Amino acid sequence: IVYAGTRKETEEYAAELSSLGLCGAAYHAGMTSAARSAVHDAFHAGELDVVVATSAFGMGIDKTDVRFVLHASVPGSLDAY
């Protein structure tokens, strides 16, 4: 999981990682509910190598095989972290 600071960054980083051969997707609150659900389901099914997300993705993620959580930018506050 890569956490980004903005919706735009999630799209940019996901596209860049995909261009490098990873199966990646963006996830943010600006997406439709159906699109967010599709990314969430694909992530839990193991169909994605990486999800690039805003903090909207962080609520309730419980997946045992997540190897890395990276922060592409510093959160605006400690609460956001």
PDB file of N, CA and C in Angstrom:
ATOM      1  N   ILE A   1       0.862  -1.170   0.000  1.00  0.00           N
ATOM      2  CA  ILE A   1       0.000   0.000   0.000  1.00  0.00           C
ATOM      3  C   ILE A   1       0.905   1.228   0.000  1.00  0.00           C
ATOM      4  N   VAL A   2       0.604   2.156  -0.875  1.00  0.00           N
ATOM      5  CA  VAL A   2       1.303   3.439  -0.903  1.00  0.00           C
ATOM      6  C   VAL A   2       0.264   4.507  -0.593  1.00  0.00           C
ATOM      7  N   TYR A   3       0.510   5.280   0.450  1.00  0.00           N
ATOM      8  CA  TYR A   3      -0.394   6.370   0.787  1.00  0.00           C
ATOM      9  C   TYR A   3       0.138   7.664   0.180  1.00  0.00           C
ATOM     10  N   ALA A   4      -0.732   8.373  -0.494  1.00  0.00           N
ATOM     11  CA  ALA A   4      -0.394   9.648  -1.125  1.00  0.00           C
ATOM     12  C   ALA A   4      -1.231  10.751  -0.488  1.00  0.00           C
ATOM     13  N   GLY A   5      -0.771  11.973  -0.641  1.00  0.00           N
ATOM     14  CA  GLY A   5      -1.429  13.101   0.004  1.00  0.00           C
ATOM     15  C   GLY A   5      -2.651  13.633  -0.714  1.00  0.00           C
ATOM     16  N   THR A   6      -2.725  13.411  -2.019  1.00  0.00           N
ATOM     17  CA  THR A   6      -3.846  13.963  -2.782  1.00  0.00           C
ATOM     18  C   THR A   6      -4.412  12.922  -3.743  1.00  0.00           C
ATOM     19  N   ARG A   7      -5.612  13.182  -4.195  1.00  0.00           N
ATOM     20  CA  ARG A   7      -6.249  12.305  -5.179  1.00  0.00           C
ATOM     21  C   ARG A   7      -5.420  12.251  -6.455  1.00  0.00           C
ATOM     22  N   LYS A   8      -4.941  13.411  -6.878  1.00  0.00           N
ATOM     23  CA  LYS A   8      -4.140  13.484  -8.100  1.00  0.00           C
ATOM     24  C   LYS A   8      -2.881  12.627  -7.975  1.00  0.00           C
ATOM     25  N   GLU A   9      -2.223  12.691  -6.822  1.00  0.00           N
ATOM     26  CA  GLU A   9      -1.023  11.881  -6.609  1.00  0.00           C
ATOM     27  C   GLU A   9      -1.331  10.392  -6.686  1.00  0.00           C
ATOM     28  N   THR A  10      -2.480   9.966  -6.161  1.00  0.00           N
ATOM     29  CA  THR A  10      -2.806   8.534  -6.229  1.00  0.00           C
ATOM     30  C   THR A  10      -2.884   8.082  -7.677  1.00  0.00           C
ATOM     31  N   GLU A  11      -3.510   8.884  -8.520  1.00  0.00           N
ATOM     32  CA  GLU A  11      -3.643   8.542  -9.938  1.00  0.00           C
ATOM     33  C   GLU A  11      -2.274   8.529 -10.622  1.00  0.00           C
ATOM     34  N   GLU A  12      -1.458   9.538 -10.330  1.00  0.00           N
ATOM     35  CA  GLU A  12      -0.136   9.635 -10.962  1.00  0.00           C
ATOM     36  C   GLU A  12       0.775   8.489 -10.540  1.00  0.00           C
ATOM     37  N   TYR A  13       0.845   8.212  -9.249  1.00  0.00           N
ATOM     38  CA  TYR A  13       1.713   7.139  -8.758  1.00  0.00           C
ATOM     39  C   TYR A  13       1.231   5.774  -9.246  1.00  0.00           C
ATOM     40  N   ALA A  14      -0.068   5.546  -9.247  1.00  0.00           N
ATOM     41  CA  ALA A  14      -0.598   4.263  -9.728  1.00  0.00           C
ATOM     42  C   ALA A  14      -0.259   4.064 -11.201  1.00  0.00           C
ATOM     43  N   ALA A  15      -0.378   5.113 -11.993  1.00  0.00           N
ATOM     44  CA  ALA A  15      -0.041   5.021 -13.418  1.00  0.00           C
ATOM     45  C   ALA A  15       1.446   4.740 -13.609  1.00  0.00           C
ATOM     46  N   GLU A  16       2.277   5.408 -12.838  1.00  0.00           N
ATOM     47  CA  GLU A  16       3.728   5.200 -12.951  1.00  0.00           C
ATOM     48  C   GLU A  16       4.108   3.777 -12.547  1.00  0.00           C
ATOM     49  N   LEU A  17       3.559   3.284 -11.454  1.00  0.00           N
ATOM     50  CA  LEU A  17       3.859   1.921 -11.020  1.00  0.00           C
ATOM     51  C   LEU A  17       3.364   0.899 -12.040  1.00  0.00           C
ATOM     52  N   SER A  18       2.212   1.158 -12.621  1.00  0.00           N
ATOM     53  CA  SER A  18       1.682   0.269 -13.662  1.00  0.00           C
ATOM     54  C   SER A  18       2.590   0.266 -14.888  1.00  0.00           C
ATOM     55  N   SER A  19       3.138   1.427 -15.232  1.00  0.00           N
ATOM     56  CA  SER A  19       4.037   1.504 -16.389  1.00  0.00           C
ATOM     57  C   SER A  19       5.337   0.742 -16.139  1.00  0.00           C
ATOM     58  N   LEU A  20       5.648   0.499 -14.873  1.00  0.00           N
ATOM     59  CA  LEU A  20       6.846  -0.255 -14.508  1.00  0.00           C
ATOM     60  C   LEU A  20       6.572  -1.756 -14.400  1.00  0.00           C
ATOM     61  N   GLY A  21       5.343  -2.152 -14.711  1.00  0.00           N
ATOM     62  CA  GLY A  21       5.020  -3.572 -14.730  1.00  0.00           C
ATOM     63  C   GLY A  21       4.269  -4.097 -13.526  1.00  0.00           C
ATOM     64  N   LEU A  22       3.953  -3.243 -12.581  1.00  0.00           N
ATOM     65  CA  LEU A  22       3.166  -3.674 -11.429  1.00  0.00           C
ATOM     66  C   LEU A  22       1.687  -3.532 -11.742  1.00  0.00           C
ATOM     67  N   CYS A  23       0.900  -4.387 -11.160  1.00  0.00           N
ATOM     68  CA  CYS A  23      -0.549  -4.274 -11.300  1.00  0.00           C
ATOM     69  C   CYS A  23      -1.023  -3.377 -10.160  1.00  0.00           C
ATOM     70  N   GLY A  24      -1.296  -2.122 -10.474  1.00  0.00           N
ATOM     71  CA  GLY A  24      -1.635  -1.155  -9.445  1.00  0.00           C
ATOM     72  C   GLY A  24      -2.905  -0.408  -9.751  1.00  0.00           C
ATOM     73  N   ALA A  25      -3.487   0.163  -8.705  1.00  0.00           N
ATOM     74  CA  ALA A  25      -4.712   0.940  -8.855  1.00  0.00           C
ATOM     75  C   ALA A  25      -4.729   2.059  -7.831  1.00  0.00           C
ATOM     76  N   ALA A  26      -5.375   3.145  -8.206  1.00  0.00           N
ATOM     77  CA  ALA A  26      -5.582   4.269  -7.295  1.00  0.00           C
ATOM     78  C   ALA A  26      -6.867   4.047  -6.509  1.00  0.00           C
ATOM     79  N   TYR A  27      -6.927   4.662  -5.320  1.00  0.00           N
ATOM     80  CA  TYR A  27      -8.122   4.596  -4.478  1.00  0.00           C
ATOM     81  C   TYR A  27      -8.221   5.915  -3.735  1.00  0.00           C
ATOM     82  N   HIS A  28      -9.345   6.616  -3.940  1.00  0.00           N
ATOM     83  CA  HIS A  28      -9.552   7.878  -3.226  1.00  0.00           C
ATOM     84  C   HIS A  28     -11.041   8.204  -3.189  1.00  0.00           C
ATOM     85  N   ALA A  29     -11.394   9.160  -2.365  1.00  0.00           N
ATOM     86  CA  ALA A  29     -12.798   9.507  -2.146  1.00  0.00           C
ATOM     87  C   ALA A  29     -13.460  10.125  -3.367  1.00  0.00           C
ATOM     88  N   GLY A  30     -12.697  10.589  -4.332  1.00  0.00           N
ATOM     89  CA  GLY A  30     -13.272  11.173  -5.535  1.00  0.00           C
ATOM     90  C   GLY A  30     -13.760  10.150  -6.543  1.00  0.00           C
ATOM     91  N   MET A  31     -13.479   8.889  -6.289  1.00  0.00           N
ATOM     92  CA  MET A  31     -13.933   7.817  -7.178  1.00  0.00           C
ATOM     93  C   MET A  31     -15.370   7.449  -6.835  1.00  0.00           C
ATOM     94  N   THR A  32     -16.061   6.847  -7.784  1.00  0.00           N
ATOM     95  CA  THR A  32     -17.410   6.372  -7.484  1.00  0.00           C
ATOM     96  C   THR A  32     -17.326   5.243  -6.467  1.00  0.00           C
ATOM     97  N   SER A  33     -18.408   5.018  -5.791  1.00  0.00           N
ATOM     98  CA  SER A  33     -18.462   3.930  -4.819  1.00  0.00           C
ATOM     99  C   SER A  33     -18.166   2.588  -5.482  1.00  0.00           C
ATOM    100  N   ALA A  34     -18.687   2.397  -6.686  1.00  0.00           N
ATOM    101  CA  ALA A  34     -18.455   1.142  -7.412  1.00  0.00           C
ATOM    102  C   ALA A  34     -16.978   0.972  -7.755  1.00  0.00           C
ATOM    103  N   ALA A  35     -16.323   2.051  -8.166  1.00  0.00           N
ATOM    104  CA  ALA A  35     -14.896   1.982  -8.502  1.00  0.00           C
ATOM    105  C   ALA A  35     -14.060   1.695  -7.258  1.00  0.00           C
ATOM    106  N   ARG A  36     -14.394   2.343  -6.141  1.00  0.00           N
ATOM    107  CA  ARG A  36     -13.674   2.073  -4.889  1.00  0.00           C
ATOM    108  C   ARG A  36     -13.873   0.631  -4.458  1.00  0.00           C
ATOM    109  N   SER A  37     -15.093   0.138  -4.569  1.00  0.00           N
ATOM    110  CA  SER A  37     -15.379  -1.256  -4.204  1.00  0.00           C
ATOM    111  C   SER A  37     -14.604  -2.229  -5.078  1.00  0.00           C
ATOM    112  N   ALA A  38     -14.500  -1.927  -6.364  1.00  0.00           N
ATOM    113  CA  ALA A  38     -13.770  -2.803  -7.284  1.00  0.00           C
ATOM    114  C   ALA A  38     -12.292  -2.885  -6.903  1.00  0.00           C
ATOM    115  N   VAL A  39     -11.691  -1.745  -6.563  1.00  0.00           N
ATOM    116  CA  VAL A  39     -10.286  -1.739  -6.147  1.00  0.00           C
ATOM    117  C   VAL A  39     -10.136  -2.486  -4.829  1.00  0.00           C
ATOM    118  N   HIS A  40     -11.012  -2.219  -3.887  1.00  0.00           N
ATOM    119  CA  HIS A  40     -10.973  -2.881  -2.585  1.00  0.00           C
ATOM    120  C   HIS A  40     -11.081  -4.392  -2.749  1.00  0.00           C
ATOM    121  N   ASP A  41     -12.033  -4.843  -3.554  1.00  0.00           N
ATOM    122  CA  ASP A  41     -12.234  -6.279  -3.769  1.00  0.00           C
ATOM    123  C   ASP A  41     -11.032  -6.912  -4.469  1.00  0.00           C
ATOM    124  N   ALA A  42     -10.489  -6.234  -5.473  1.00  0.00           N
ATOM    125  CA  ALA A  42      -9.317  -6.755  -6.189  1.00  0.00           C
ATOM    126  C   ALA A  42      -8.111  -6.843  -5.258  1.00  0.00           C
ATOM    127  N   PHE A  43      -7.953  -5.862  -4.386  1.00  0.00           N
ATOM    128  CA  PHE A  43      -6.866  -5.868  -3.412  1.00  0.00           C
ATOM    129  C   PHE A  43      -6.990  -7.068  -2.483  1.00  0.00           C
ATOM    130  N   HIS A  44      -8.177  -7.285  -1.943  1.00  0.00           N
ATOM    131  CA  HIS A  44      -8.381  -8.397  -1.012  1.00  0.00           C
ATOM    132  C   HIS A  44      -8.304  -9.755  -1.699  1.00  0.00           C
ATOM    133  N   ALA A  45      -8.583  -9.806  -2.986  1.00  0.00           N
ATOM    134  CA  ALA A  45      -8.501 -11.063  -3.739  1.00  0.00           C
ATOM    135  C   ALA A  45      -7.072 -11.358  -4.200  1.00  0.00           C
ATOM    136  N   GLY A  46      -6.149 -10.433  -3.944  1.00  0.00           N
ATOM    137  CA  GLY A  46      -4.768 -10.629  -4.356  1.00  0.00           C
ATOM    138  C   GLY A  46      -4.510 -10.347  -5.822  1.00  0.00           C
ATOM    139  N   GLU A  47      -5.416  -9.627  -6.460  1.00  0.00           N
ATOM    140  CA  GLU A  47      -5.287  -9.324  -7.888  1.00  0.00           C
ATOM    141  C   GLU A  47      -4.446  -8.083  -8.169  1.00  0.00           C
ATOM    142  N   LEU A  48      -4.104  -7.330  -7.141  1.00  0.00           N
ATOM    143  CA  LEU A  48      -3.307  -6.112  -7.305  1.00  0.00           C
ATOM    144  C   LEU A  48      -1.984  -6.250  -6.561  1.00  0.00           C
ATOM    145  N   ASP A  49      -0.916  -5.759  -7.189  1.00  0.00           N
ATOM    146  CA  ASP A  49       0.375  -5.709  -6.511  1.00  0.00           C
ATOM    147  C   ASP A  49       0.433  -4.543  -5.540  1.00  0.00           C
ATOM    148  N   VAL A  50      -0.219  -3.449  -5.917  1.00  0.00           N
ATOM    149  CA  VAL A  50      -0.129  -2.233  -5.116  1.00  0.00           C
ATOM    150  C   VAL A  50      -1.404  -1.408  -5.256  1.00  0.00           C
ATOM    151  N   VAL A  51      -1.805  -0.808  -4.148  1.00  0.00           N
ATOM    152  CA  VAL A  51      -2.881   0.180  -4.147  1.00  0.00           C
ATOM    153  C   VAL A  51      -2.254   1.492  -3.700  1.00  0.00           C
ATOM    154  N   VAL A  52      -2.476   2.526  -4.485  1.00  0.00           N
ATOM    155  CA  VAL A  52      -2.006   3.866  -4.129  1.00  0.00           C
ATOM    156  C   VAL A  52      -3.236   4.634  -3.679  1.00  0.00           C
ATOM    157  N   ALA A  53      -3.241   5.051  -2.424  1.00  0.00           N
ATOM    158  CA  ALA A  53      -4.474   5.556  -1.837  1.00  0.00           C
ATOM    159  C   ALA A  53      -4.268   6.790  -0.979  1.00  0.00           C
ATOM    160  N   THR A  54      -5.353   7.517  -0.817  1.00  0.00           N
ATOM    161  CA  THR A  54      -5.400   8.549   0.213  1.00  0.00           C
ATOM    162  C   THR A  54      -5.795   7.846   1.504  1.00  0.00           C
ATOM    163  N   SER A  55      -5.916   8.596   2.568  1.00  0.00           N
ATOM    164  CA  SER A  55      -6.284   8.003   3.855  1.00  0.00           C
ATOM    165  C   SER A  55      -7.672   7.374   3.822  1.00  0.00           C
ATOM    166  N   ALA A  56      -8.458   7.645   2.789  1.00  0.00           N
ATOM    167  CA  ALA A  56      -9.782   7.032   2.658  1.00  0.00           C
ATOM    168  C   ALA A  56      -9.693   5.511   2.634  1.00  0.00           C
ATOM    169  N   PHE A  57      -8.575   4.965   2.193  1.00  0.00           N
ATOM    170  CA  PHE A  57      -8.401   3.517   2.097  1.00  0.00           C
ATOM    171  C   PHE A  57      -8.028   2.895   3.433  1.00  0.00           C
ATOM    172  N   GLY A  58      -7.501   3.678   4.342  1.00  0.00           N
ATOM    173  CA  GLY A  58      -6.928   3.135   5.562  1.00  0.00           C
ATOM    174  C   GLY A  58      -7.898   2.666   6.613  1.00  0.00           C
ATOM    175  N   MET A  59      -9.148   2.968   6.460  1.00  0.00           N
ATOM    176  CA  MET A  59     -10.112   2.618   7.489  1.00  0.00           C
ATOM    177  C   MET A  59     -10.549   1.159   7.349  1.00  0.00           C
ATOM    178  N   GLY A  60     -10.173   0.336   8.323  1.00  0.00           N
ATOM    179  CA  GLY A  60     -10.651  -1.042   8.366  1.00  0.00           C
ATOM    180  C   GLY A  60      -9.932  -2.027   7.470  1.00  0.00           C
ATOM    181  N   ILE A  61      -8.716  -1.724   7.038  1.00  0.00           N
ATOM    182  CA  ILE A  61      -7.968  -2.666   6.210  1.00  0.00           C
ATOM    183  C   ILE A  61      -7.367  -3.729   7.122  1.00  0.00           C
ATOM    184  N   ASP A  62      -7.710  -4.982   6.863  1.00  0.00           N
ATOM    185  CA  ASP A  62      -7.191  -6.099   7.646  1.00  0.00           C
ATOM    186  C   ASP A  62      -6.798  -7.199   6.666  1.00  0.00           C
ATOM    187  N   LYS A  63      -5.556  -7.163   6.240  1.00  0.00           N
ATOM    188  CA  LYS A  63      -5.062  -8.120   5.250  1.00  0.00           C
ATOM    189  C   LYS A  63      -3.694  -8.593   5.720  1.00  0.00           C
ATOM    190  N   THR A  64      -3.550  -9.879   5.921  1.00  0.00           N
ATOM    191  CA  THR A  64      -2.338 -10.405   6.555  1.00  0.00           C
ATOM    192  C   THR A  64      -1.106 -10.406   5.665  1.00  0.00           C
ATOM    193  N   ASP A  65      -1.270 -10.375   4.348  1.00  0.00           N
ATOM    194  CA  ASP A  65      -0.097 -10.491   3.483  1.00  0.00           C
ATOM    195  C   ASP A  65       0.405  -9.161   2.914  1.00  0.00           C
ATOM    196  N   VAL A  66       0.074  -8.064   3.548  1.00  0.00           N
ATOM    197  CA  VAL A  66       0.619  -6.763   3.137  1.00  0.00           C
ATOM    198  C   VAL A  66       2.069  -6.708   3.615  1.00  0.00           C
ATOM    199  N   ARG A  67       2.995  -6.563   2.665  1.00  0.00           N
ATOM    200  CA  ARG A  67       4.415  -6.575   3.022  1.00  0.00           C
ATOM    201  C   ARG A  67       4.962  -5.196   3.342  1.00  0.00           C
ATOM    202  N   PHE A  68       4.435  -4.169   2.671  1.00  0.00           N
ATOM    203  CA  PHE A  68       4.955  -2.820   2.873  1.00  0.00           C
ATOM    204  C   PHE A  68       3.818  -1.807   2.889  1.00  0.00           C
ATOM    205  N   VAL A  69       3.978  -0.813   3.731  1.00  0.00           N
ATOM    206  CA  VAL A  69       3.111   0.365   3.713  1.00  0.00           C
ATOM    207  C   VAL A  69       4.048   1.561   3.600  1.00  0.00           C
ATOM    208  N   LEU A  70       3.908   2.286   2.502  1.00  0.00           N
ATOM    209  CA  LEU A  70       4.775   3.428   2.242  1.00  0.00           C
ATOM    210  C   LEU A  70       3.964   4.713   2.243  1.00  0.00           C
ATOM    211  N   HIS A  71       4.587   5.781   2.676  1.00  0.00           N
ATOM    212  CA  HIS A  71       3.957   7.096   2.641  1.00  0.00           C
ATOM    213  C   HIS A  71       4.719   7.943   1.633  1.00  0.00           C
ATOM    214  N   ALA A  72       4.069   8.265   0.526  1.00  0.00           N
ATOM    215  CA  ALA A  72       4.704   9.037  -0.542  1.00  0.00           C
ATOM    216  C   ALA A  72       4.855  10.502  -0.164  1.00  0.00           C
ATOM    217  N   SER A  73       4.061  10.948   0.787  1.00  0.00           N
ATOM    218  CA  SER A  73       4.168  12.319   1.274  1.00  0.00           C
ATOM    219  C   SER A  73       3.796  12.336   2.750  1.00  0.00           C
ATOM    220  N   VAL A  74       4.220  13.358   3.421  1.00  0.00           N
ATOM    221  CA  VAL A  74       3.957  13.478   4.855  1.00  0.00           C
ATOM    222  C   VAL A  74       2.515  13.918   5.063  1.00  0.00           C
ATOM    223  N   PRO A  75       1.765  13.219   5.928  1.00  0.00           N
ATOM    224  CA  PRO A  75       0.388  13.639   6.204  1.00  0.00           C
ATOM    225  C   PRO A  75       0.346  15.044   6.797  1.00  0.00           C
ATOM    226  N   GLY A  76      -0.767  15.722   6.590  1.00  0.00           N
ATOM    227  CA  GLY A  76      -0.923  17.090   7.056  1.00  0.00           C
ATOM    228  C   GLY A  76      -0.982  17.236   8.562  1.00  0.00           C
ATOM    229  N   SER A  77      -1.351  16.154   9.258  1.00  0.00           N
ATOM    230  CA  SER A  77      -1.431  16.207  10.716  1.00  0.00           C
ATOM    231  C   SER A  77      -1.168  14.822  11.286  1.00  0.00           C
ATOM    232  N   LEU A  78      -0.918  14.766  12.583  1.00  0.00           N
ATOM    233  CA  LEU A  78      -0.707  13.488  13.247  1.00  0.00           C
ATOM    234  C   LEU A  78      -1.968  12.632  13.187  1.00  0.00           C
ATOM    235  N   ASP A  79      -3.129  13.266  13.307  1.00  0.00           N
ATOM    236  CA  ASP A  79      -4.394  12.530  13.232  1.00  0.00           C
ATOM    237  C   ASP A  79      -4.586  11.880  11.868  1.00  0.00           C
ATOM    238  N   ALA A  80      -4.115  12.529  10.822  1.00  0.00           N
ATOM    239  CA  ALA A  80      -4.239  11.980   9.473  1.00  0.00           C
ATOM    240  C   ALA A  80      -3.328  10.783   9.274  1.00  0.00           C
ATOM    241  N   TYR A  81      -2.287  10.670  10.084  1.00  0.00           N
ATOM    242  CA  TYR A  81      -1.334   9.583   9.980  1.00  0.00           C
ATOM    243  C   TYR A  81      -1.957   8.332  10.525  1.00  0.00           C
TER     244      TYR A  81
END
